[in-house]
Amino acid sequence: MVVAQSSPNFSGTWFCTACEGFEEYLGALGVRDSVRKALLESGSKPTHIINHAGDVLEWSVDAPKSRVTSIQKIGVAVKSKNVHGDVIEVARWEGNTWVVDMKQGTQMQLIQRRWMEGKYMFHTIETVNPSSVTVKRTFTLDPPPLEGRLSGRQPQGVHMPSPSSAEQRPGDLSRALKTPEKPKPDFSGRWDAVSCEGFDEYLTASGLSAEVRTALVLKMSKPTHDITVRDPKTMEVKVKTGSGSMSSQQTIGETLVNTNDNIVVTKETARWEDTVWVVDVENVKSGLKSQQRRWISGDTMHYDVSTTGPQGLATVKRTFKRRINDQSSANENTQDEKAASSAAPKTSGRLPPPRVKMVVVEEEVFENERYMPMFGWSSSYLLPSDRRRWSTMEGRNSSDTFPEVKALPPGWQWDGDWMVDLQGAGKDGWLFAIDFDAYQRDTKSGKNKCTPLCYVRRRRWVRRRKCKATQQELEANGMAVMPDDEKAPLHISDTSPDRISWVSALLIALGVWLSNEHVSIQVTGSRRLLLQNVHLLWAVFWLLCGFFIGELMAKVNDNLLLDIIMKRI
């Protein structure tokens, strides 16, 4: 047995010289006798045309009546369909053997193995379900005799090697066999999501509460994607959801930095993978990675977001339909922009303009009030342990002055005025609770109706801001600098830095922009309970005072009455 020192290179045109177990293989698949006989005569000894480079292998099976081309990459799932449904193929190295596992649903169906011994290449196909049958073929780079080649179909686009070129290197031949590049799909237009799978599981893996998950599923499970393709290497995507919108421009080979409240959260790099637009996303702090894949099948656009986090693999799968007449308008806009750019004067020696990233963020400020018996609702009755009148969702940056809570960052401008969020709330947007701790980390926590046990209330004010800054300006404004450890991290449901960074990356990939202004007031439980119920203590105190004063006055009245009666007697 020959022990290889490195991974083999399978590139070349391989001619099958021997085949074992093919008839049993067809029988296990349930092929009829008449069809089986024809396949034995024509397909038992095919020709394999392989272009192999590292972890990517492209091969074509060339038989007298058919040709099938497949591209396999280590660790990447390739999806296809047959008469029985969806098929998933995943390639892997097993020593120096190239192995491909094929699954039908959740069951393993076939296992292919390819390895080399000397000048021979061996290829086996083993059926796992419903029964185990193995086909073994032997291949060589040497062509069969001339009469054998004339009786069959010669490989398309391949010149048979002459005796003088018998020593031609496989790598040279693979370059000659390189297939033409497939045309890239046009994603331009407005796409509406029609289906979404795995979104709730995606959010569950991030550790979000059931209430938050429900709100996000309602608002963000089926977004709208406005896509403009500038050129084969540049694409602008605008994602619109029920909670806001996000716009980004992706360019092949360039890194896009995503920021959240002036903090770099993720870096994105786009690339083409055949006809699939792939975006690799890396979380700056935790190092966790995720991937976005976008492709078109017929009149449907598929968009998958997958990542591996603390609780395993999570994947969101969406399908989109293009709005009618939107593609033509998008193409017209693109053509007008191209015409304008071509008509503009060109100056040699000048650098291209810096990249511009458009970001729209929805800011929120909460107004807080407390109830005082016999006096009503007011921010003046807030206790020392409470947040002030204006604060963020969890009480940070609380202030009695509104502008101090949300100042406009440099490089941003407001888009509209402050408005009360009335969705799911009561009159004038108020939500009620027994105390501020009862509000969970959700904008819609609380009751929309006041009950006798409600002593605090809050309402949400929202306003959008937008930014259009170059990468240099973002860095100059501190948007490309990670915060110090002393700064408060983003809290969602877990204080683990990895979990926090991972969840932030997940939600930004889906178009969720979160605020990282979350802190808590350090007050002991007994003191907090005492302070929050001080008005009840005052009420009890005055009731006791009234009782004792009443008793005292009753005794005084009794003494006076007794004195009057004694005088009359």
Protein backbone atom coordinates (compact mmCIF):
# COMPACT_ATOMS: atom_id res chain seq x y z
CA MET A 1 0.00 0.00 0.00
CA VAL A 2 1.29 3.43 -0.97
CA VAL A 3 1.16 6.11 1.72
CA ALA A 4 0.64 9.59 0.31
CA GLN A 5 2.50 12.46 1.90
CA SER A 6 0.01 15.12 0.77
CA SER A 7 -3.50 15.40 -0.61
CA PRO A 8 -3.67 14.01 -4.16
CA ASN A 9 -4.61 16.03 -7.24
CA PHE A 10 -7.34 14.34 -9.27
CA SER A 11 -7.18 16.78 -12.21
CA GLY A 12 -7.30 15.23 -15.66
CA THR A 13 -9.40 13.13 -18.02
CA TRP A 14 -9.84 9.70 -16.48
CA PHE A 15 -10.93 6.69 -18.54
CA CYS A 16 -12.69 3.81 -16.78
CA THR A 17 -10.94 0.47 -17.31
CA ALA A 18 -12.88 -1.74 -14.86
CA CYS A 19 -16.26 -1.69 -13.12
CA GLU A 20 -17.52 -4.02 -10.38
CA GLY A 21 -20.97 -4.27 -8.78
CA PHE A 22 -22.78 -1.93 -11.21
CA GLU A 23 -25.59 -4.41 -11.98
CA GLU A 24 -26.23 -5.06 -8.27
CA TYR A 25 -26.21 -1.29 -7.71
CA LEU A 26 -28.94 -0.76 -10.33
CA GLY A 27 -30.95 -3.60 -8.83
CA ALA A 28 -30.76 -2.02 -5.36
CA LEU A 29 -32.09 1.22 -6.85
CA GLY A 30 -35.07 -0.63 -8.33
CA VAL A 31 -34.18 -0.07 -12.01
CA ARG A 32 -36.21 -2.20 -14.44
CA ASP A 33 -34.45 -4.99 -16.33
CA SER A 34 -34.80 -3.34 -19.74
CA VAL A 35 -33.34 -0.05 -18.50
CA ARG A 36 -30.70 -1.89 -16.49
CA LYS A 37 -29.45 -3.68 -19.60
CA ALA A 38 -29.11 -0.43 -21.54
CA LEU A 39 -27.22 1.21 -18.68
CA LEU A 40 -24.86 -1.74 -18.38
CA GLU A 41 -23.95 -1.37 -22.05
CA SER A 42 -23.54 2.40 -22.07
CA GLY A 43 -22.90 3.71 -18.57
CA SER A 44 -20.88 1.17 -16.65
CA LYS A 45 -17.53 2.64 -17.80
CA PRO A 46 -17.89 6.43 -17.98
CA THR A 47 -15.18 9.04 -18.45
CA HIS A 48 -14.49 11.46 -15.57
CA ILE A 49 -13.21 14.93 -16.47
CA ILE A 50 -11.88 16.52 -13.27
CA ASN A 51 -10.58 19.98 -12.44
CA HIS A 52 -9.21 19.83 -8.87
CA ALA A 53 -7.69 22.68 -6.82
CA GLY A 54 -7.22 22.20 -3.06
CA ASP A 55 -10.62 21.80 -1.41
CA VAL A 56 -12.63 22.41 -4.60
CA LEU A 57 -13.29 19.64 -7.12
CA GLU A 58 -15.24 20.06 -10.36
CA TRP A 59 -15.96 16.89 -12.26
CA SER A 60 -18.02 15.84 -15.27
CA VAL A 61 -19.26 12.33 -15.89
CA ASP A 62 -19.08 11.68 -19.62
CA ALA A 63 -21.07 8.64 -20.81
CA PRO A 64 -22.28 7.88 -24.36
CA LYS A 65 -25.68 9.50 -23.83
CA SER A 66 -25.24 12.03 -21.05
CA ARG A 67 -22.94 14.45 -19.27
CA VAL A 68 -23.38 15.64 -15.69
CA THR A 69 -21.20 18.33 -14.08
CA SER A 70 -20.86 18.77 -10.31
CA ILE A 71 -18.84 21.18 -8.16
CA GLN A 72 -17.92 20.02 -4.66
CA LYS A 73 -16.22 21.97 -1.88
CA ILE A 74 -15.03 20.63 1.45
CA GLY A 75 -17.55 21.40 4.19
CA VAL A 76 -20.06 23.14 1.89
CA ALA A 77 -23.51 21.59 1.45
CA VAL A 78 -24.65 21.34 -2.17
CA LYS A 79 -28.42 21.11 -2.62
CA SER A 80 -30.19 19.44 -5.53
CA LYS A 81 -33.44 17.61 -6.25
CA ASN A 82 -34.42 14.23 -7.61
CA VAL A 83 -37.70 12.35 -7.96
CA HIS A 84 -37.69 11.60 -4.23
CA GLY A 85 -37.18 15.19 -3.05
CA ASP A 86 -34.28 17.38 -1.87
CA VAL A 87 -30.75 15.96 -1.81
CA ILE A 88 -27.82 17.40 0.16
CA GLU A 89 -24.20 16.51 -0.66
CA VAL A 90 -21.27 17.40 1.62
CA ALA A 91 -17.63 16.71 0.72
CA ARG A 92 -14.88 15.92 3.22
CA TRP A 93 -11.34 14.56 3.36
CA GLU A 94 -10.82 11.13 4.93
CA GLY A 95 -7.05 10.88 4.96
CA ASN A 96 -6.13 11.14 1.26
CA THR A 97 -9.59 10.01 0.17
CA TRP A 98 -12.16 12.47 -1.17
CA VAL A 99 -15.49 11.48 0.40
CA VAL A 100 -18.96 12.80 -0.49
CA ASP A 101 -21.92 12.05 1.82
CA MET A 102 -25.32 12.29 0.13
CA LYS A 103 -28.45 12.60 2.29
CA GLN A 104 -32.13 12.42 1.33
CA GLY A 105 -33.84 14.40 4.08
CA THR A 106 -32.27 13.14 7.33
CA GLN A 107 -31.25 9.70 6.03
CA MET A 108 -27.89 8.87 4.51
CA GLN A 109 -28.36 7.49 0.99
CA LEU A 110 -24.97 7.25 -0.76
CA ILE A 111 -21.29 7.58 0.10
CA GLN A 112 -18.79 8.26 -2.68
CA ARG A 113 -15.05 7.78 -2.22
CA ARG A 114 -12.24 8.75 -4.60
CA TRP A 115 -8.54 7.98 -4.07
CA MET A 116 -5.36 7.26 -6.02
CA GLU A 117 -2.89 4.38 -5.98
CA GLY A 118 0.03 4.89 -8.30
CA LYS A 119 -1.24 5.86 -11.75
CA TYR A 120 -4.75 4.57 -11.04
CA MET A 121 -7.72 6.43 -9.57
CA PHE A 122 -10.43 4.45 -7.78
CA HIS A 123 -14.02 5.62 -7.37
CA THR A 124 -16.62 3.80 -5.27
CA ILE A 125 -20.33 4.45 -4.73
CA GLU A 126 -21.83 2.75 -1.69
CA THR A 127 -25.58 2.70 -1.10
CA VAL A 128 -26.55 2.92 2.57
CA ASN A 129 -30.35 3.03 2.36
CA PRO A 130 -32.34 0.84 1.77
CA SER A 131 -29.56 -1.75 1.31
CA SER A 132 -25.76 -1.73 1.16
CA VAL A 133 -24.31 -2.22 -2.34
CA THR A 134 -20.96 -0.93 -3.60
CA VAL A 135 -19.86 -0.01 -7.13
CA LYS A 136 -16.10 0.13 -7.64
CA ARG A 137 -14.48 1.61 -10.75
CA THR A 138 -10.84 1.84 -11.77
CA PHE A 139 -9.64 4.80 -13.87
CA THR A 140 -6.44 5.70 -15.69
CA LEU A 141 -5.22 8.73 -17.61
CA ASP A 142 -4.20 6.47 -20.52
CA PRO A 143 -6.92 6.43 -23.21
CA PRO A 144 -8.45 3.09 -24.25
CA PRO A 145 -7.64 1.51 -27.65
CA LEU A 146 -8.79 3.40 -30.73
CA GLU A 147 -11.61 0.98 -31.58
CA GLY A 148 -12.95 1.33 -28.08
CA ARG A 149 -13.05 5.10 -28.39
CA LEU A 150 -14.73 5.04 -31.81
CA SER A 151 -17.54 2.84 -30.54
CA GLY A 152 -18.51 5.33 -27.84
CA ARG A 153 -19.03 9.06 -27.50
CA GLN A 154 -15.92 11.17 -27.13
CA PRO A 155 -15.90 13.73 -24.32
CA GLN A 156 -17.28 17.07 -25.46
CA GLY A 157 -14.73 19.82 -25.82
CA VAL A 158 -11.80 17.49 -24.97
CA HIS A 159 -9.01 16.60 -27.41
CA MET A 160 -7.71 13.08 -26.98
CA PRO A 161 -4.03 13.19 -25.97
CA SER A 162 -1.54 12.08 -28.59
CA PRO A 163 1.28 9.66 -27.74
CA SER A 164 3.74 12.55 -27.65
CA SER A 165 1.65 14.26 -24.99
CA ALA A 166 1.09 11.19 -22.84
CA GLU A 167 3.26 12.71 -20.13
CA GLN A 168 1.21 15.89 -20.01
CA ARG A 169 0.69 17.08 -16.44
CA PRO A 170 -2.88 16.76 -15.08
CA GLY A 171 -2.84 20.39 -13.99
CA ASP A 172 -2.15 21.59 -17.55
CA LEU A 173 -4.99 19.45 -18.87
CA SER A 174 -7.36 20.74 -16.20
CA ARG A 175 -6.71 24.31 -17.29
CA ALA A 176 -7.58 23.35 -20.86
CA LEU A 177 -10.78 21.73 -19.60
CA LYS A 178 -11.94 24.75 -17.57
CA THR A 179 -15.64 25.36 -18.23
CA PRO A 180 -16.86 28.85 -19.16
CA GLU A 181 -18.13 30.98 -16.28
CA LYS A 182 -21.88 31.00 -15.78
CA PRO A 183 -23.71 34.33 -16.15
CA LYS A 184 -24.39 36.07 -12.85
CA PRO A 185 -28.02 36.53 -11.79
CA ASP A 186 -29.63 39.96 -11.61
CA PHE A 187 -30.97 40.65 -8.11
CA SER A 188 -32.22 44.16 -8.98
CA GLY A 189 -35.73 45.04 -7.86
CA ARG A 190 -37.98 45.07 -4.82
CA TRP A 191 -38.39 41.65 -3.24
CA ASP A 192 -41.10 40.75 -0.72
CA ALA A 193 -40.57 37.82 1.64
CA VAL A 194 -43.24 35.15 1.15
CA SER A 195 -41.91 32.47 3.50
CA CYS A 196 -39.56 32.25 6.47
CA GLU A 197 -38.22 29.15 8.19
CA GLY A 198 -36.18 28.85 11.37
CA PHE A 199 -36.47 32.48 12.53
CA ASP A 200 -37.91 31.63 15.96
CA GLU A 201 -35.27 28.93 16.46
CA TYR A 202 -32.65 31.48 15.36
CA LEU A 203 -33.81 33.91 18.06
CA THR A 204 -34.13 31.13 20.65
CA ALA A 205 -30.50 30.21 20.09
CA SER A 206 -29.62 33.82 20.90
CA GLY A 207 -31.21 33.50 24.37
CA LEU A 208 -34.00 36.04 23.87
CA SER A 209 -37.15 35.81 25.98
CA ALA A 210 -40.44 34.55 24.56
CA GLU A 211 -41.96 38.05 24.58
CA VAL A 212 -39.06 39.54 22.64
CA ARG A 213 -39.06 36.65 20.19
CA THR A 214 -42.77 37.08 19.55
CA ALA A 215 -42.36 40.79 18.85
CA LEU A 216 -39.41 40.24 16.50
CA VAL A 217 -41.15 37.43 14.63
CA LEU A 218 -44.18 39.65 14.02
CA LYS A 219 -42.11 42.60 12.86
CA MET A 220 -39.09 41.09 11.14
CA SER A 221 -39.76 37.57 9.90
CA LYS A 222 -40.84 38.75 6.43
CA PRO A 223 -38.91 41.89 5.42
CA THR A 224 -38.68 43.65 2.07
CA HIS A 225 -35.36 43.80 0.21
CA ASP A 226 -34.76 46.67 -2.23
CA ILE A 227 -31.73 45.66 -4.29
CA THR A 228 -29.79 47.69 -6.82
CA VAL A 229 -26.95 45.96 -8.70
CA ARG A 230 -24.38 48.61 -9.65
CA ASP A 231 -22.13 46.16 -11.48
CA PRO A 232 -21.24 42.45 -11.17
CA LYS A 233 -19.13 43.30 -8.11
CA THR A 234 -21.29 45.85 -6.28
CA MET A 235 -24.79 45.49 -4.87
CA GLU A 236 -26.80 47.86 -2.65
CA VAL A 237 -29.35 46.23 -0.34
CA LYS A 238 -32.05 48.08 1.61
CA VAL A 239 -33.80 45.93 4.20
CA LYS A 240 -37.16 47.21 5.48
CA THR A 241 -38.90 45.63 8.48
CA GLY A 242 -41.62 46.54 10.93
CA SER A 243 -39.03 47.99 13.32
CA GLY A 244 -37.06 50.13 10.88
CA SER A 245 -34.78 49.92 7.88
CA MET A 246 -31.12 49.34 7.11
CA SER A 247 -29.13 50.08 3.97
CA SER A 248 -25.73 48.70 3.03
CA GLN A 249 -23.54 48.48 -0.04
CA GLN A 250 -21.63 45.25 -0.61
CA THR A 251 -18.67 45.01 -2.97
CA ILE A 252 -16.77 41.88 -3.91
CA GLY A 253 -13.42 41.76 -2.15
CA GLU A 254 -14.06 44.77 0.13
CA THR A 255 -14.77 44.72 3.86
CA LEU A 256 -17.86 46.55 5.13
CA VAL A 257 -17.89 47.64 8.78
CA ASN A 258 -21.23 47.60 10.64
CA THR A 259 -21.50 49.85 13.69
CA ASN A 260 -24.03 50.05 16.51
CA ASP A 261 -24.02 53.23 18.60
CA ASN A 262 -20.52 54.12 17.39
CA ILE A 263 -19.19 50.63 18.19
CA VAL A 264 -17.92 48.28 15.51
CA VAL A 265 -19.98 45.09 15.74
CA THR A 266 -19.37 43.12 12.56
CA LYS A 267 -17.29 43.07 9.40
CA GLU A 268 -18.74 41.78 6.12
CA THR A 269 -16.94 40.52 3.02
CA ALA A 270 -18.85 39.66 -0.16
CA ARG A 271 -17.88 37.14 -2.83
CA TRP A 272 -19.36 35.13 -5.68
CA GLU A 273 -19.66 31.37 -5.25
CA ASP A 274 -20.67 30.29 -8.75
CA THR A 275 -24.09 32.02 -9.11
CA VAL A 276 -24.60 32.51 -5.36
CA TRP A 277 -23.87 35.90 -3.73
CA VAL A 278 -22.17 35.03 -0.43
CA VAL A 279 -21.43 37.44 2.43
CA ASP A 280 -19.12 36.24 5.22
CA VAL A 281 -19.84 38.06 8.49
CA GLU A 282 -17.32 38.15 11.35
CA ASN A 283 -18.10 39.44 14.84
CA VAL A 284 -15.24 41.71 15.83
CA LYS A 285 -15.29 41.01 19.57
CA SER A 286 -16.14 37.32 19.82
CA GLY A 287 -14.65 36.16 16.52
CA LEU A 288 -17.82 34.17 15.74
CA LYS A 289 -18.68 33.93 12.07
CA SER A 290 -21.88 33.67 10.08
CA GLN A 291 -22.74 33.51 6.40
CA GLN A 292 -25.43 34.98 4.17
CA ARG A 293 -26.26 33.30 0.85
CA ARG A 294 -28.46 34.82 -1.86
CA TRP A 295 -29.43 33.14 -5.14
CA ILE A 296 -32.25 33.05 -7.70
CA SER A 297 -34.16 29.94 -8.74
CA GLY A 298 -36.77 30.62 -11.41
CA ASP A 299 -38.78 33.65 -10.26
CA THR A 300 -37.87 33.14 -6.60
CA MET A 301 -34.96 34.62 -4.67
CA HIS A 302 -33.60 32.56 -1.78
CA TYR A 303 -31.83 34.20 1.16
CA ASP A 304 -30.27 32.08 3.93
CA VAL A 305 -28.52 33.36 7.07
CA SER A 306 -26.65 30.72 9.06
CA THR A 307 -24.24 30.87 11.96
CA THR A 308 -22.85 28.69 14.72
CA GLY A 309 -23.31 30.17 18.18
CA PRO A 310 -23.10 29.03 21.82
CA GLN A 311 -26.17 26.81 21.35
CA GLY A 312 -25.22 25.25 18.02
CA LEU A 313 -26.06 25.88 14.37
CA ALA A 314 -28.90 28.31 13.62
CA THR A 315 -30.24 29.00 10.13
CA VAL A 316 -32.94 31.29 8.79
CA LYS A 317 -34.27 30.48 5.32
CA ARG A 318 -36.39 32.99 3.42
CA THR A 319 -37.89 33.05 -0.06
CA PHE A 320 -38.77 36.28 -1.89
CA LYS A 321 -40.93 37.22 -4.86
CA ARG A 322 -40.14 40.21 -7.04
CA ARG A 323 -42.76 42.95 -7.24
CA ILE A 324 -44.15 43.49 -10.72
CA ASN A 325 -42.64 46.44 -12.66
CA ASP A 326 -40.06 47.03 -9.92
CA GLN A 327 -37.25 45.31 -11.83
CA SER A 328 -37.68 47.53 -14.89
CA SER A 329 -37.62 50.70 -12.80
CA ALA A 330 -34.58 49.50 -10.90
CA ASN A 331 -32.80 48.69 -14.15
CA GLU A 332 -33.71 52.11 -15.56
CA ASN A 333 -32.26 53.81 -12.50
CA THR A 334 -29.13 51.75 -12.79
CA GLN A 335 -28.76 52.59 -16.48
CA ASP A 336 -29.29 56.30 -15.81
CA GLU A 337 -26.61 56.22 -13.13
CA LYS A 338 -24.24 54.38 -15.44
CA ALA A 339 -24.91 56.92 -18.21
CA ALA A 340 -24.31 59.80 -15.83
CA SER A 341 -21.08 58.28 -14.60
CA SER A 342 -19.88 57.64 -18.17
CA ALA A 343 -20.72 61.21 -19.19
CA ALA A 344 -18.76 62.65 -16.28
CA PRO A 345 -15.22 63.81 -17.07
CA LYS A 346 -12.55 61.27 -16.21
CA THR A 347 -9.34 62.40 -14.59
CA SER A 348 -6.39 60.04 -14.62
CA GLY A 349 -4.36 59.51 -11.49
CA ARG A 350 -7.24 60.22 -9.06
CA LEU A 351 -8.31 57.72 -6.44
CA PRO A 352 -11.88 56.38 -6.59
CA PRO A 353 -14.35 58.04 -4.20
CA PRO A 354 -14.48 56.52 -0.72
CA ARG A 355 -17.19 54.00 0.05
CA VAL A 356 -20.39 55.37 1.52
CA LYS A 357 -22.60 53.46 3.94
CA MET A 358 -26.19 54.54 4.57
CA VAL A 359 -27.58 53.67 8.00
CA VAL A 360 -31.02 54.50 9.42
CA VAL A 361 -31.43 53.97 13.17
CA GLU A 362 -34.61 54.29 15.23
CA GLU A 363 -33.86 55.96 18.55
CA GLU A 364 -36.13 55.59 21.56
CA VAL A 365 -36.60 57.47 24.84
CA PHE A 366 -38.95 56.40 27.65
CA GLU A 367 -41.01 58.79 29.76
CA ASN A 368 -41.53 57.55 33.34
CA GLU A 369 -44.11 58.52 36.00
CA ARG A 370 -45.25 57.21 39.41
CA TYR A 371 -48.69 57.23 41.03
CA MET A 372 -49.27 58.86 44.41
CA PRO A 373 -52.58 58.15 46.17
CA MET A 374 -54.90 61.15 46.31
CA PHE A 375 -52.54 63.13 44.03
CA GLY A 376 -52.42 61.12 40.78
CA TRP A 377 -49.66 60.53 38.22
CA SER A 378 -46.55 62.67 37.90
CA SER A 379 -42.81 62.40 37.39
CA SER A 380 -42.43 64.49 40.56
CA TYR A 381 -43.41 61.45 42.65
CA LEU A 382 -40.54 59.28 41.37
CA LEU A 383 -38.55 57.73 44.23
CA PRO A 384 -34.78 58.07 44.72
CA SER A 385 -34.35 54.48 43.53
CA ASP A 386 -36.39 55.12 40.36
CA ARG A 387 -35.11 56.29 37.03
CA ARG A 388 -35.74 59.95 36.27
CA ARG A 389 -38.48 61.27 34.01
CA TRP A 390 -36.61 60.54 30.76
CA SER A 391 -34.48 57.41 30.34
CA THR A 392 -33.55 54.56 28.07
CA MET A 393 -35.47 51.29 28.18
CA GLU A 394 -33.58 49.93 31.18
CA GLY A 395 -33.03 53.22 32.97
CA ARG A 396 -29.59 54.29 31.85
CA ASN A 397 -28.87 57.95 31.14
CA SER A 398 -32.00 58.90 33.07
CA SER A 399 -32.50 62.64 33.30
CA ASP A 400 -35.14 65.23 34.08
CA THR A 401 -34.18 67.04 30.88
CA PHE A 402 -35.12 65.40 27.60
CA PRO A 403 -32.15 66.40 25.39
CA GLU A 404 -29.65 64.96 27.86
CA VAL A 405 -30.94 61.43 27.22
CA LYS A 406 -30.50 61.26 23.47
CA ALA A 407 -28.10 63.75 21.96
CA LEU A 408 -27.46 63.54 18.22
CA PRO A 409 -24.07 61.86 17.52
CA PRO A 410 -21.61 63.59 15.17
CA GLY A 411 -22.23 62.89 11.50
CA TRP A 412 -25.93 62.10 11.95
CA GLN A 413 -29.11 64.04 11.21
CA TRP A 414 -32.65 63.56 12.44
CA ASP A 415 -35.26 62.10 10.07
CA GLY A 416 -38.62 63.35 11.39
CA ASP A 417 -39.83 64.44 14.85
CA TRP A 418 -40.22 62.64 18.16
CA MET A 419 -43.52 60.71 18.30
CA VAL A 420 -45.28 58.58 20.92
CA ASP A 421 -45.38 54.87 20.06
CA LEU A 422 -49.05 53.91 20.38
CA GLN A 423 -48.74 50.33 19.16
CA GLY A 424 -49.95 47.88 21.82
CA ALA A 425 -50.19 50.64 24.44
CA GLY A 426 -53.07 52.27 26.27
CA LYS A 427 -54.34 55.83 26.13
CA ASP A 428 -51.63 58.30 25.07
CA GLY A 429 -49.16 55.41 24.73
CA TRP A 430 -48.82 54.55 28.44
CA LEU A 431 -47.97 51.07 29.73
CA PHE A 432 -48.55 50.32 33.44
CA ALA A 433 -46.79 48.07 35.98
CA ILE A 434 -46.41 47.57 39.74
CA ASP A 435 -42.84 48.91 39.63
CA PHE A 436 -40.12 49.57 37.06
CA ASP A 437 -38.50 46.18 37.64
CA ALA A 438 -41.66 44.57 36.26
CA TYR A 439 -40.83 45.96 32.82
CA GLN A 440 -38.87 43.31 31.01
CA ARG A 441 -36.23 44.15 28.46
CA ASP A 442 -38.86 44.74 25.83
CA THR A 443 -40.35 47.96 24.54
CA LYS A 444 -43.88 46.54 24.88
CA SER A 445 -43.65 45.19 28.44
CA GLY A 446 -46.40 46.27 30.81
CA LYS A 447 -50.20 46.50 30.83
CA ASN A 448 -52.15 48.81 28.56
CA LYS A 449 -54.76 49.33 31.30
CA CYS A 450 -54.25 50.65 34.81
CA THR A 451 -55.20 48.34 37.71
CA PRO A 452 -55.24 49.00 41.49
CA LEU A 453 -51.80 47.38 41.75
CA CYS A 454 -50.18 49.64 39.13
CA TYR A 455 -47.99 52.35 40.65
CA VAL A 456 -45.68 53.21 37.72
CA ARG A 457 -46.18 53.85 34.04
CA ARG A 458 -44.03 54.67 31.03
CA ARG A 459 -44.42 55.42 27.35
CA ARG A 460 -42.06 55.18 24.41
CA TRP A 461 -41.00 58.11 22.24
CA VAL A 462 -39.34 57.26 18.92
CA ARG A 463 -37.39 59.21 16.33
CA ARG A 464 -35.21 58.15 13.43
CA ARG A 465 -31.74 59.40 12.61
CA LYS A 466 -29.74 58.75 9.47
CA CYS A 467 -26.08 58.90 8.65
CA LYS A 468 -24.23 59.12 5.36
CA ALA A 469 -20.53 59.03 6.08
CA THR A 470 -17.44 57.68 4.38
CA GLN A 471 -15.35 55.02 6.05
CA GLN A 472 -12.72 57.64 6.93
CA GLU A 473 -15.38 59.79 8.64
CA LEU A 474 -16.73 56.80 10.55
CA GLU A 475 -13.26 56.07 11.89
CA ALA A 476 -12.68 59.74 12.67
CA ASN A 477 -15.89 59.82 14.72
CA GLY A 478 -14.80 56.79 16.74
CA MET A 479 -17.07 54.31 14.98
CA ALA A 480 -14.21 51.97 14.19
CA VAL A 481 -12.90 51.75 17.77
CA MET A 482 -14.00 49.06 20.21
CA PRO A 483 -15.20 50.35 23.61
CA ASP A 484 -13.13 50.10 26.75
CA ASP A 485 -13.86 47.25 29.15
CA GLU A 486 -15.16 49.78 31.67
CA LYS A 487 -17.98 50.77 29.31
CA ALA A 488 -21.28 49.00 29.74
CA PRO A 489 -21.67 46.09 27.30
CA LEU A 490 -24.81 45.21 25.37
CA HIS A 491 -27.15 43.20 27.58
CA ILE A 492 -29.87 41.06 26.03
CA SER A 493 -30.49 38.08 28.28
CA ASP A 494 -27.05 36.86 29.23
CA THR A 495 -23.97 38.66 30.56
CA SER A 496 -21.58 36.36 28.68
CA PRO A 497 -19.47 38.50 26.28
CA ASP A 498 -19.51 35.76 23.65
CA ARG A 499 -23.29 35.41 23.85
CA ILE A 500 -23.75 39.19 23.72
CA SER A 501 -21.49 39.65 20.70
CA TRP A 502 -23.00 36.65 18.93
CA VAL A 503 -26.59 37.79 19.42
CA SER A 504 -25.68 41.27 18.22
CA ALA A 505 -24.15 39.82 15.06
CA LEU A 506 -27.21 37.62 14.48
CA LEU A 507 -29.70 40.44 14.79
CA ILE A 508 -27.67 42.91 12.71
CA ALA A 509 -27.51 40.28 9.97
CA LEU A 510 -31.31 40.27 10.05
CA GLY A 511 -31.66 44.05 10.13
CA VAL A 512 -32.15 44.58 13.88
CA TRP A 513 -30.39 47.59 15.35
CA LEU A 514 -30.15 47.50 19.14
CA SER A 515 -29.05 50.10 21.66
CA ASN A 516 -26.22 49.24 24.01
CA GLU A 517 -27.28 51.64 26.75
CA HIS A 518 -28.31 49.17 29.45
CA VAL A 519 -27.39 49.36 33.15
CA SER A 520 -29.13 48.62 36.44
CA ILE A 521 -29.33 50.52 39.74
CA GLN A 522 -27.60 48.71 42.58
CA VAL A 523 -30.10 48.74 45.46
CA THR A 524 -30.65 45.87 47.89
CA GLY A 525 -33.96 44.04 47.75
CA SER A 526 -35.23 45.16 51.15
CA ARG A 527 -34.29 48.79 50.59
CA ARG A 528 -35.79 48.77 47.09
CA LEU A 529 -39.04 47.31 48.44
CA LEU A 530 -39.13 49.91 51.22
CA LEU A 531 -38.47 52.83 48.88
CA GLN A 532 -40.90 51.72 46.19
CA ASN A 533 -43.74 51.32 48.75
CA VAL A 534 -43.00 54.39 50.87
CA HIS A 535 -46.36 55.93 49.92
CA LEU A 536 -48.10 52.90 51.45
CA LEU A 537 -46.11 53.38 54.66
CA TRP A 538 -47.16 57.03 54.76
CA ALA A 539 -50.80 56.04 54.36
CA VAL A 540 -50.55 53.53 57.22
CA PHE A 541 -48.82 56.15 59.37
CA TRP A 542 -51.58 58.72 58.84
CA LEU A 543 -54.28 56.12 59.48
CA LEU A 544 -52.68 55.28 62.82
CA CYS A 545 -52.36 58.96 63.65
CA GLY A 546 -56.03 59.49 62.83
CA PHE A 547 -57.01 56.53 64.98
CA PHE A 548 -55.07 57.77 68.01
CA ILE A 549 -56.30 61.34 67.57
CA GLY A 550 -59.88 60.07 67.28
CA GLU A 551 -59.51 58.05 70.47
CA LEU A 552 -58.05 61.03 72.25
CA MET A 553 -60.84 63.34 71.12
CA ALA A 554 -63.44 60.75 72.15
CA LYS A 555 -62.00 60.61 75.66
CA VAL A 556 -61.97 64.42 75.90
CA ASN A 557 -65.59 64.56 74.77
CA ASP A 558 -66.56 61.92 77.32
CA ASN A 559 -64.91 63.88 80.13
CA LEU A 560 -66.62 67.13 79.08
CA LEU A 561 -69.99 65.43 78.85
CA LEU A 562 -69.51 63.83 82.27
CA ASP A 563 -68.57 67.21 83.77
CA ILE A 564 -71.71 68.87 82.34
CA ILE A 565 -73.95 66.13 83.66
CA MET A 566 -72.39 66.32 87.14
CA LYS A 567 -72.90 70.08 87.24
CA ARG A 568 -76.58 69.74 86.32
CA ILE A 569 -77.11 67.20 89.03
